[in-house]
Amino acid sequence: MLKINKLNINWLIKIEGGENMDWEKQRLMMDWFRRADRNVKRCIEKKVEHTGVYRSQHRLLMMLGRNPNRSQSEIAEKMDISPAAVAVSLKKLEKSGYISRQCDENDNRVNSIEIMEKGKMTISVSEKYFREINEALLEGFSEEELFQFESFMRRIVQNGECYYQTLLKQEKEKGEERE
């Protein structure tokens, strides 16, 4: 059973006696979670493969359409990817005519991004595809089940963020011990 000590955020997994079944349930749930994630990605890739734009670039274009005038670091943070990955994707999108970038007159580090007509058409198609995929994957769920699912997913994300921060803290402490 996964226990969280909220005082010092230690993550402990007890596997003894009758609790092995809890561990097996957790393993199976996380396996379903990974399988669902892979399935979503496969569906998106299959749906967009003929567009000439990769799955991540569709996400980036849609995000730019909803959030214009963002810096690359803001985009990276919002999409939970590295600024370098954003830079590479923007360069590819610009080269292919989906966006154009202009350097700020006062600060060369800042680019304004304009979505070109080709990009706007792709965003429209992407939104349609993603809506269709979402509807297909969530078909048959009641409103209450969707609400519960969202609640569970938020908790998984929060727990994951908390655990990740704990790992970073432990890594830092180990580094300080070596010095």
N, C-alpha and C. Protein backbone atom coordinates (compact mmCIF):
# COMPACT_ATOMS: atom_id res chain seq x y z
N MET A 1 0.84 -1.18 0.00
CA MET A 1 0.00 0.00 0.00
C MET A 1 0.89 1.24 0.00
N LEU A 2 0.57 2.22 -0.80
CA LEU A 2 1.33 3.44 -0.89
C LEU A 2 0.89 4.36 0.24
N LYS A 3 1.84 4.73 1.11
CA LYS A 3 1.53 5.62 2.22
C LYS A 3 2.35 6.88 2.06
N ILE A 4 1.73 8.01 2.29
CA ILE A 4 2.41 9.29 2.17
C ILE A 4 2.49 9.92 3.55
N ASN A 5 3.69 10.15 4.03
CA ASN A 5 3.88 10.88 5.26
C ASN A 5 3.93 12.35 4.88
N LYS A 6 2.87 13.09 5.15
CA LYS A 6 2.75 14.46 4.68
C LYS A 6 3.72 15.41 5.38
N LEU A 7 4.26 15.02 6.54
CA LEU A 7 5.18 15.91 7.22
C LEU A 7 6.51 16.04 6.47
N ASN A 8 7.07 14.91 6.04
CA ASN A 8 8.35 14.98 5.36
C ASN A 8 8.29 14.40 3.95
N ILE A 9 7.10 14.12 3.47
CA ILE A 9 6.83 13.65 2.10
C ILE A 9 7.70 12.44 1.75
N ASN A 10 7.88 11.52 2.69
CA ASN A 10 8.56 10.26 2.37
C ASN A 10 7.55 9.33 1.73
N TRP A 11 7.95 8.68 0.68
CA TRP A 11 7.07 7.75 -0.02
C TRP A 11 7.52 6.35 0.34
N LEU A 12 6.62 5.59 0.93
CA LEU A 12 6.94 4.24 1.35
C LEU A 12 5.99 3.26 0.70
N ILE A 13 6.50 2.17 0.26
CA ILE A 13 5.66 1.11 -0.26
C ILE A 13 5.87 -0.09 0.66
N LYS A 14 4.81 -0.47 1.35
CA LYS A 14 4.87 -1.62 2.24
C LYS A 14 4.45 -2.86 1.46
N ILE A 15 5.34 -3.79 1.37
CA ILE A 15 5.02 -5.04 0.71
C ILE A 15 5.35 -6.15 1.70
N GLU A 16 4.36 -6.51 2.46
CA GLU A 16 4.56 -7.58 3.44
C GLU A 16 3.22 -8.26 3.69
N GLY A 17 3.29 -9.51 3.91
CA GLY A 17 2.09 -10.28 4.24
C GLY A 17 0.96 -10.04 3.26
N GLY A 18 -0.20 -9.63 3.77
CA GLY A 18 -1.41 -9.47 2.98
C GLY A 18 -1.42 -8.24 2.09
N GLU A 19 -0.39 -7.41 2.18
CA GLU A 19 -0.40 -6.19 1.40
C GLU A 19 0.18 -6.37 0.00
N ASN A 20 0.65 -7.58 -0.33
CA ASN A 20 1.14 -7.83 -1.68
C ASN A 20 0.04 -7.61 -2.71
N MET A 21 -1.20 -7.92 -2.36
CA MET A 21 -2.30 -7.72 -3.28
C MET A 21 -2.47 -6.22 -3.59
N ASP A 22 -2.29 -5.36 -2.59
CA ASP A 22 -2.37 -3.92 -2.83
C ASP A 22 -1.30 -3.49 -3.82
N TRP A 23 -0.09 -4.00 -3.67
CA TRP A 23 0.99 -3.69 -4.59
C TRP A 23 0.63 -4.16 -6.00
N GLU A 24 0.07 -5.34 -6.11
CA GLU A 24 -0.32 -5.87 -7.43
C GLU A 24 -1.42 -5.00 -8.04
N LYS A 25 -2.37 -4.57 -7.25
CA LYS A 25 -3.43 -3.69 -7.76
C LYS A 25 -2.83 -2.37 -8.25
N GLN A 26 -1.91 -1.82 -7.49
CA GLN A 26 -1.27 -0.58 -7.89
C GLN A 26 -0.52 -0.76 -9.21
N ARG A 27 0.21 -1.84 -9.31
CA ARG A 27 0.97 -2.12 -10.52
C ARG A 27 0.05 -2.23 -11.72
N LEU A 28 -1.08 -2.93 -11.54
CA LEU A 28 -2.04 -3.09 -12.63
C LEU A 28 -2.69 -1.76 -13.02
N MET A 29 -3.02 -0.95 -12.02
CA MET A 29 -3.62 0.36 -12.31
C MET A 29 -2.66 1.23 -13.10
N MET A 30 -1.39 1.25 -12.69
CA MET A 30 -0.42 2.07 -13.40
C MET A 30 -0.15 1.51 -14.79
N ASP A 31 -0.23 0.19 -14.93
CA ASP A 31 -0.10 -0.41 -16.27
C ASP A 31 -1.25 0.05 -17.16
N TRP A 32 -2.49 0.06 -16.64
CA TRP A 32 -3.63 0.56 -17.41
C TRP A 32 -3.44 2.03 -17.77
N PHE A 33 -2.91 2.79 -16.83
CA PHE A 33 -2.65 4.21 -17.06
C PHE A 33 -1.68 4.38 -18.24
N ARG A 34 -0.57 3.65 -18.23
CA ARG A 34 0.41 3.73 -19.32
C ARG A 34 -0.18 3.26 -20.64
N ARG A 35 -0.98 2.19 -20.59
CA ARG A 35 -1.61 1.69 -21.81
C ARG A 35 -2.59 2.71 -22.38
N ALA A 36 -3.34 3.37 -21.51
CA ALA A 36 -4.28 4.40 -21.97
C ALA A 36 -3.52 5.55 -22.63
N ASP A 37 -2.42 5.96 -22.00
CA ASP A 37 -1.61 7.04 -22.56
C ASP A 37 -1.07 6.66 -23.93
N ARG A 38 -0.54 5.46 -24.06
CA ARG A 38 -0.04 4.99 -25.37
C ARG A 38 -1.16 4.94 -26.39
N ASN A 39 -2.34 4.51 -25.96
CA ASN A 39 -3.48 4.42 -26.87
C ASN A 39 -3.89 5.79 -27.39
N VAL A 40 -3.91 6.78 -26.51
CA VAL A 40 -4.25 8.14 -26.92
C VAL A 40 -3.24 8.61 -27.97
N LYS A 41 -1.97 8.42 -27.68
CA LYS A 41 -0.92 8.85 -28.61
C LYS A 41 -1.03 8.14 -29.96
N ARG A 42 -1.30 6.85 -29.93
CA ARG A 42 -1.44 6.09 -31.19
C ARG A 42 -2.62 6.61 -32.00
N CYS A 43 -3.73 6.87 -31.34
CA CYS A 43 -4.91 7.40 -32.05
C CYS A 43 -4.61 8.75 -32.68
N ILE A 44 -3.95 9.62 -31.93
CA ILE A 44 -3.62 10.94 -32.46
C ILE A 44 -2.67 10.80 -33.64
N GLU A 45 -1.63 10.01 -33.48
CA GLU A 45 -0.67 9.84 -34.56
C GLU A 45 -1.32 9.29 -35.82
N LYS A 46 -2.21 8.32 -35.67
CA LYS A 46 -2.90 7.75 -36.83
C LYS A 46 -3.80 8.80 -37.48
N LYS A 47 -4.46 9.59 -36.67
CA LYS A 47 -5.39 10.59 -37.20
C LYS A 47 -4.66 11.71 -37.95
N VAL A 48 -3.48 12.09 -37.47
CA VAL A 48 -2.79 13.25 -38.06
C VAL A 48 -1.66 12.88 -39.01
N GLU A 49 -1.43 11.58 -39.24
CA GLU A 49 -0.26 11.18 -40.02
C GLU A 49 -0.24 11.75 -41.43
N HIS A 50 -1.38 12.01 -42.01
CA HIS A 50 -1.43 12.52 -43.38
C HIS A 50 -1.25 14.04 -43.47
N THR A 51 -1.21 14.72 -42.32
CA THR A 51 -1.16 16.18 -42.34
C THR A 51 0.25 16.74 -42.55
N GLY A 52 1.27 15.92 -42.31
CA GLY A 52 2.65 16.41 -42.42
C GLY A 52 3.13 17.13 -41.17
N VAL A 53 2.29 17.16 -40.15
CA VAL A 53 2.65 17.79 -38.88
C VAL A 53 2.63 16.73 -37.80
N TYR A 54 3.67 16.70 -36.99
CA TYR A 54 3.74 15.71 -35.91
C TYR A 54 2.73 16.03 -34.80
N ARG A 55 2.41 14.99 -34.01
CA ARG A 55 1.44 15.11 -32.93
C ARG A 55 1.78 16.28 -32.00
N SER A 56 3.04 16.38 -31.60
CA SER A 56 3.45 17.44 -30.68
C SER A 56 3.32 18.82 -31.32
N GLN A 57 3.53 18.90 -32.65
CA GLN A 57 3.39 20.18 -33.33
C GLN A 57 1.93 20.61 -33.42
N HIS A 58 1.02 19.64 -33.54
CA HIS A 58 -0.41 19.97 -33.50
C HIS A 58 -0.74 20.59 -32.15
N ARG A 59 -0.25 19.96 -31.08
CA ARG A 59 -0.49 20.48 -29.72
C ARG A 59 0.05 21.89 -29.59
N LEU A 60 1.26 22.10 -30.10
CA LEU A 60 1.90 23.41 -30.01
C LEU A 60 1.10 24.46 -30.79
N LEU A 61 0.70 24.14 -32.00
CA LEU A 61 -0.09 25.08 -32.79
C LEU A 61 -1.41 25.43 -32.10
N MET A 62 -2.09 24.41 -31.55
CA MET A 62 -3.35 24.68 -30.86
C MET A 62 -3.13 25.55 -29.64
N MET A 63 -2.05 25.29 -28.92
CA MET A 63 -1.73 26.09 -27.73
C MET A 63 -1.43 27.53 -28.14
N LEU A 64 -0.69 27.72 -29.23
CA LEU A 64 -0.41 29.07 -29.72
C LEU A 64 -1.69 29.79 -30.15
N GLY A 65 -2.60 29.04 -30.76
CA GLY A 65 -3.88 29.62 -31.16
C GLY A 65 -4.70 30.09 -29.98
N ARG A 66 -4.65 29.34 -28.88
CA ARG A 66 -5.42 29.71 -27.68
C ARG A 66 -4.67 30.72 -26.81
N ASN A 67 -3.35 30.77 -26.92
CA ASN A 67 -2.53 31.62 -26.06
C ASN A 67 -1.51 32.41 -26.88
N PRO A 68 -1.96 33.39 -27.65
CA PRO A 68 -1.02 34.14 -28.47
C PRO A 68 -0.09 34.99 -27.61
N ASN A 69 0.99 35.43 -28.20
CA ASN A 69 1.94 36.34 -27.55
C ASN A 69 2.58 35.76 -26.29
N ARG A 70 2.95 34.50 -26.36
CA ARG A 70 3.65 33.85 -25.25
C ARG A 70 5.12 33.71 -25.60
N SER A 71 5.97 33.80 -24.59
CA SER A 71 7.40 33.57 -24.81
C SER A 71 7.64 32.07 -24.93
N GLN A 72 8.80 31.71 -25.47
CA GLN A 72 9.14 30.28 -25.60
C GLN A 72 9.18 29.60 -24.24
N SER A 73 9.67 30.30 -23.23
CA SER A 73 9.72 29.69 -21.89
C SER A 73 8.32 29.51 -21.32
N GLU A 74 7.42 30.45 -21.58
CA GLU A 74 6.03 30.30 -21.13
C GLU A 74 5.35 29.13 -21.85
N ILE A 75 5.63 29.01 -23.14
CA ILE A 75 5.07 27.89 -23.92
C ILE A 75 5.58 26.58 -23.35
N ALA A 76 6.89 26.51 -23.10
CA ALA A 76 7.50 25.30 -22.56
C ALA A 76 6.88 24.92 -21.23
N GLU A 77 6.70 25.90 -20.37
CA GLU A 77 6.11 25.63 -19.06
C GLU A 77 4.67 25.14 -19.20
N LYS A 78 3.90 25.80 -20.04
CA LYS A 78 2.49 25.43 -20.22
C LYS A 78 2.35 24.03 -20.80
N MET A 79 3.28 23.66 -21.71
CA MET A 79 3.20 22.35 -22.36
C MET A 79 3.99 21.28 -21.61
N ASP A 80 4.71 21.69 -20.56
CA ASP A 80 5.52 20.78 -19.75
C ASP A 80 6.59 20.08 -20.60
N ILE A 81 7.28 20.89 -21.41
CA ILE A 81 8.40 20.41 -22.20
C ILE A 81 9.55 21.40 -22.06
N SER A 82 10.71 21.06 -22.55
CA SER A 82 11.87 21.94 -22.41
C SER A 82 11.78 23.11 -23.39
N PRO A 83 12.38 24.25 -23.02
CA PRO A 83 12.43 25.37 -23.96
C PRO A 83 13.15 24.99 -25.27
N ALA A 84 14.14 24.11 -25.19
CA ALA A 84 14.84 23.66 -26.39
C ALA A 84 13.90 22.91 -27.33
N ALA A 85 13.02 22.07 -26.76
CA ALA A 85 12.05 21.33 -27.58
C ALA A 85 11.08 22.30 -28.26
N VAL A 86 10.69 23.35 -27.55
CA VAL A 86 9.81 24.36 -28.13
C VAL A 86 10.54 25.05 -29.29
N ALA A 87 11.79 25.41 -29.07
CA ALA A 87 12.56 26.10 -30.10
C ALA A 87 12.67 25.26 -31.37
N VAL A 88 12.95 23.98 -31.21
CA VAL A 88 13.08 23.07 -32.36
C VAL A 88 11.74 22.98 -33.10
N SER A 89 10.65 22.80 -32.36
CA SER A 89 9.33 22.69 -32.99
C SER A 89 8.95 23.97 -33.70
N LEU A 90 9.20 25.12 -33.07
CA LEU A 90 8.87 26.40 -33.70
C LEU A 90 9.68 26.59 -34.99
N LYS A 91 10.93 26.19 -34.95
CA LYS A 91 11.78 26.32 -36.14
C LYS A 91 11.21 25.48 -37.29
N LYS A 92 10.79 24.24 -36.98
CA LYS A 92 10.21 23.37 -38.00
C LYS A 92 8.89 23.93 -38.52
N LEU A 93 8.06 24.44 -37.61
CA LEU A 93 6.78 25.01 -38.03
C LEU A 93 6.99 26.26 -38.89
N GLU A 94 8.00 27.05 -38.54
CA GLU A 94 8.30 28.24 -39.33
C GLU A 94 8.82 27.85 -40.71
N LYS A 95 9.72 26.91 -40.76
CA LYS A 95 10.29 26.46 -42.04
C LYS A 95 9.22 25.91 -42.97
N SER A 96 8.19 25.28 -42.38
CA SER A 96 7.11 24.69 -43.17
C SER A 96 5.98 25.66 -43.47
N GLY A 97 6.08 26.90 -42.99
CA GLY A 97 5.09 27.92 -43.33
C GLY A 97 3.86 27.96 -42.45
N TYR A 98 3.90 27.32 -41.26
CA TYR A 98 2.75 27.34 -40.35
C TYR A 98 2.73 28.58 -39.47
N ILE A 99 3.93 29.08 -39.17
CA ILE A 99 4.06 30.28 -38.32
C ILE A 99 5.15 31.17 -38.91
N SER A 100 5.20 32.40 -38.44
CA SER A 100 6.36 33.25 -38.71
C SER A 100 6.76 33.87 -37.37
N ARG A 101 8.04 34.08 -37.24
CA ARG A 101 8.57 34.68 -36.01
C ARG A 101 9.31 35.95 -36.36
N GLN A 102 9.12 36.97 -35.53
CA GLN A 102 9.80 38.24 -35.69
C GLN A 102 10.48 38.59 -34.38
N CYS A 103 11.75 38.98 -34.46
CA CYS A 103 12.47 39.40 -33.26
C CYS A 103 11.93 40.74 -32.78
N ASP A 104 11.85 40.88 -31.48
CA ASP A 104 11.45 42.14 -30.87
C ASP A 104 12.53 43.19 -31.16
N GLU A 105 12.12 44.40 -31.52
CA GLU A 105 13.07 45.46 -31.84
C GLU A 105 13.98 45.79 -30.66
N ASN A 106 13.44 45.70 -29.44
CA ASN A 106 14.19 46.09 -28.25
C ASN A 106 14.94 44.95 -27.59
N ASP A 107 14.56 43.72 -27.90
CA ASP A 107 15.17 42.57 -27.23
C ASP A 107 15.21 41.38 -28.19
N ASN A 108 16.39 41.08 -28.72
CA ASN A 108 16.54 39.99 -29.70
C ASN A 108 16.20 38.61 -29.14
N ARG A 109 16.13 38.51 -27.81
CA ARG A 109 15.80 37.22 -27.20
C ARG A 109 14.31 36.92 -27.28
N VAL A 110 13.51 37.93 -27.59
CA VAL A 110 12.05 37.79 -27.61
C VAL A 110 11.56 37.72 -29.05
N ASN A 111 10.79 36.70 -29.36
CA ASN A 111 10.17 36.55 -30.68
C ASN A 111 8.67 36.71 -30.56
N SER A 112 8.08 37.42 -31.51
CA SER A 112 6.62 37.39 -31.58
C SER A 112 6.29 36.34 -32.64
N ILE A 113 5.29 35.54 -32.35
CA ILE A 113 4.92 34.44 -33.23
C ILE A 113 3.58 34.75 -33.85
N GLU A 114 3.54 34.70 -35.17
CA GLU A 114 2.29 34.90 -35.90
C GLU A 114 1.92 33.58 -36.57
N ILE A 115 0.68 33.18 -36.39
CA ILE A 115 0.20 31.95 -37.03
C ILE A 115 -0.24 32.32 -38.45
N MET A 116 0.36 31.66 -39.42
CA MET A 116 0.05 31.92 -40.82
C MET A 116 -1.24 31.20 -41.19
N GLU A 117 -1.77 31.48 -42.36
CA GLU A 117 -3.03 30.86 -42.81
C GLU A 117 -2.93 29.34 -42.79
N LYS A 118 -1.82 28.80 -43.25
CA LYS A 118 -1.59 27.35 -43.23
C LYS A 118 -1.69 26.81 -41.80
N GLY A 119 -1.13 27.55 -40.85
CA GLY A 119 -1.20 27.16 -39.44
C GLY A 119 -2.60 27.24 -38.89
N LYS A 120 -3.34 28.28 -39.29
CA LYS A 120 -4.73 28.44 -38.83
C LYS A 120 -5.60 27.30 -39.34
N MET A 121 -5.38 26.90 -40.59
CA MET A 121 -6.15 25.77 -41.14
C MET A 121 -5.80 24.48 -40.39
N THR A 122 -4.52 24.31 -40.08
CA THR A 122 -4.08 23.12 -39.36
C THR A 122 -4.67 23.10 -37.95
N ILE A 123 -4.74 24.24 -37.30
CA ILE A 123 -5.34 24.32 -35.96
C ILE A 123 -6.80 23.89 -36.03
N SER A 124 -7.50 24.36 -37.02
CA SER A 124 -8.91 24.01 -37.18
C SER A 124 -9.09 22.50 -37.35
N VAL A 125 -8.26 21.92 -38.20
CA VAL A 125 -8.31 20.46 -38.42
C VAL A 125 -7.91 19.73 -37.15
N SER A 126 -6.86 20.21 -36.49
CA SER A 126 -6.37 19.57 -35.26
C SER A 126 -7.46 19.55 -34.19
N GLU A 127 -8.12 20.68 -33.99
CA GLU A 127 -9.17 20.75 -32.97
C GLU A 127 -10.28 19.76 -33.28
N LYS A 128 -10.62 19.64 -34.54
CA LYS A 128 -11.64 18.67 -34.95
C LYS A 128 -11.18 17.25 -34.64
N TYR A 129 -9.95 16.93 -35.01
CA TYR A 129 -9.40 15.59 -34.77
C TYR A 129 -9.32 15.28 -33.28
N PHE A 130 -8.81 16.20 -32.49
CA PHE A 130 -8.65 15.96 -31.07
C PHE A 130 -10.01 15.81 -30.39
N ARG A 131 -10.98 16.62 -30.80
CA ARG A 131 -12.35 16.50 -30.26
C ARG A 131 -12.91 15.12 -30.58
N GLU A 132 -12.72 14.69 -31.83
CA GLU A 132 -13.21 13.37 -32.26
C GLU A 132 -12.56 12.25 -31.45
N ILE A 133 -11.26 12.34 -31.24
CA ILE A 133 -10.54 11.32 -30.47
C ILE A 133 -11.03 11.32 -29.02
N ASN A 134 -11.14 12.50 -28.42
CA ASN A 134 -11.63 12.59 -27.04
C ASN A 134 -13.01 11.96 -26.90
N GLU A 135 -13.90 12.29 -27.83
CA GLU A 135 -15.26 11.75 -27.78
C GLU A 135 -15.24 10.22 -27.90
N ALA A 136 -14.41 9.71 -28.79
CA ALA A 136 -14.33 8.25 -28.99
C ALA A 136 -13.80 7.56 -27.74
N LEU A 137 -12.77 8.14 -27.12
CA LEU A 137 -12.15 7.50 -25.97
C LEU A 137 -13.00 7.62 -24.70
N LEU A 138 -13.82 8.66 -24.62
CA LEU A 138 -14.63 8.86 -23.42
C LEU A 138 -16.09 8.43 -23.62
N GLU A 139 -16.35 7.79 -24.75
CA GLU A 139 -17.71 7.33 -25.05
C GLU A 139 -18.20 6.36 -23.98
N GLY A 140 -19.45 6.53 -23.61
CA GLY A 140 -20.07 5.62 -22.66
C GLY A 140 -19.89 5.99 -21.20
N PHE A 141 -19.10 7.02 -20.92
CA PHE A 141 -18.91 7.45 -19.54
C PHE A 141 -20.01 8.45 -19.18
N SER A 142 -20.56 8.31 -17.98
CA SER A 142 -21.56 9.27 -17.50
C SER A 142 -20.84 10.55 -17.06
N GLU A 143 -21.60 11.61 -16.86
CA GLU A 143 -21.04 12.87 -16.37
C GLU A 143 -20.33 12.65 -15.04
N GLU A 144 -20.97 11.87 -14.17
CA GLU A 144 -20.37 11.61 -12.86
C GLU A 144 -19.07 10.83 -12.98
N GLU A 145 -19.04 9.84 -13.87
CA GLU A 145 -17.81 9.08 -14.07
C GLU A 145 -16.69 9.97 -14.62
N LEU A 146 -17.04 10.87 -15.53
CA LEU A 146 -16.04 11.80 -16.06
C LEU A 146 -15.53 12.74 -14.98
N PHE A 147 -16.41 13.20 -14.12
CA PHE A 147 -16.01 14.05 -13.00
C PHE A 147 -15.06 13.29 -12.08
N GLN A 148 -15.40 12.04 -11.76
CA GLN A 148 -14.53 11.21 -10.91
C GLN A 148 -13.19 10.97 -11.58
N PHE A 149 -13.22 10.65 -12.86
CA PHE A 149 -12.00 10.40 -13.61
C PHE A 149 -11.09 11.62 -13.56
N GLU A 150 -11.67 12.80 -13.80
CA GLU A 150 -10.87 14.03 -13.74
C GLU A 150 -10.26 14.21 -12.35
N SER A 151 -11.06 13.96 -11.32
CA SER A 151 -10.58 14.08 -9.95
C SER A 151 -9.42 13.11 -9.69
N PHE A 152 -9.57 11.87 -10.14
CA PHE A 152 -8.50 10.87 -9.95
C PHE A 152 -7.23 11.29 -10.70
N MET A 153 -7.40 11.76 -11.93
CA MET A 153 -6.24 12.15 -12.73
C MET A 153 -5.52 13.34 -12.10
N ARG A 154 -6.28 14.30 -11.58
CA ARG A 154 -5.66 15.45 -10.91
C ARG A 154 -4.84 14.98 -9.71
N ARG A 155 -5.38 14.03 -8.96
CA ARG A 155 -4.65 13.52 -7.79
C ARG A 155 -3.40 12.78 -8.21
N ILE A 156 -3.47 12.01 -9.27
CA ILE A 156 -2.28 11.31 -9.77
C ILE A 156 -1.21 12.33 -10.17
N VAL A 157 -1.62 13.38 -10.87
CA VAL A 157 -0.68 14.42 -11.29
C VAL A 157 -0.08 15.12 -10.07
N GLN A 158 -0.91 15.48 -9.11
CA GLN A 158 -0.42 16.14 -7.90
C GLN A 158 0.54 15.23 -7.14
N ASN A 159 0.17 13.95 -6.98
CA ASN A 159 1.05 13.00 -6.30
C ASN A 159 2.36 12.85 -7.05
N GLY A 160 2.28 12.79 -8.37
CA GLY A 160 3.48 12.66 -9.18
C GLY A 160 4.39 13.87 -9.05
N GLU A 161 3.80 15.07 -9.03
CA GLU A 161 4.58 16.29 -8.86
C GLU A 161 5.25 16.30 -7.48
N CYS A 162 4.51 15.92 -6.48
CA CYS A 162 5.04 15.89 -5.12
C CYS A 162 6.20 14.88 -5.04
N TYR A 163 6.01 13.71 -5.59
CA TYR A 163 7.05 12.69 -5.57
C TYR A 163 8.27 13.15 -6.36
N TYR A 164 8.06 13.78 -7.50
CA TYR A 164 9.17 14.28 -8.32
C TYR A 164 9.98 15.32 -7.53
N GLN A 165 9.30 16.22 -6.84
CA GLN A 165 10.00 17.22 -6.02
C GLN A 165 10.80 16.55 -4.91
N THR A 166 10.25 15.48 -4.34
CA THR A 166 10.97 14.72 -3.32
C THR A 166 12.23 14.12 -3.91
N LEU A 167 12.13 13.56 -5.10
CA LEU A 167 13.31 12.99 -5.76
C LEU A 167 14.37 14.06 -6.03
N LEU A 168 13.94 15.24 -6.48
CA LEU A 168 14.88 16.32 -6.71
C LEU A 168 15.57 16.74 -5.42
N LYS A 169 14.80 16.81 -4.35
CA LYS A 169 15.35 17.18 -3.05
C LYS A 169 16.36 16.15 -2.58
N GLN A 170 16.02 14.87 -2.73
CA GLN A 170 16.94 13.80 -2.33
C GLN A 170 18.22 13.84 -3.15
N GLU A 171 18.08 14.09 -4.45
CA GLU A 171 19.25 14.17 -5.33
C GLU A 171 20.16 15.32 -4.90
N LYS A 172 19.55 16.46 -4.57
CA LYS A 172 20.31 17.62 -4.13
C LYS A 172 21.04 17.32 -2.82
N GLU A 173 20.33 16.66 -1.89
CA GLU A 173 20.94 16.32 -0.60
C GLU A 173 22.10 15.36 -0.78
N LYS A 174 21.97 14.39 -1.68
CA LYS A 174 23.07 13.46 -1.94
C LYS A 174 24.26 14.19 -2.54
N GLY A 175 24.00 15.16 -3.41
CA GLY A 175 25.06 15.94 -4.00
C GLY A 175 25.80 16.77 -2.97
N GLU A 176 25.05 17.32 -2.01
CA GLU A 176 25.66 18.12 -0.95
C GLU A 176 26.47 17.25 -0.02
N GLU A 177 26.05 15.99 0.22
CA GLU A 177 26.79 15.07 1.07
C GLU A 177 28.15 14.72 0.47
N ARG A 178 28.21 14.65 -0.85
CA ARG A 178 29.45 14.29 -1.53
C ARG A 178 30.48 15.40 -1.47
N GLU A 179 30.02 16.63 -1.30
CA GLU A 179 30.94 17.79 -1.32
C GLU A 179 31.72 17.92 -0.06
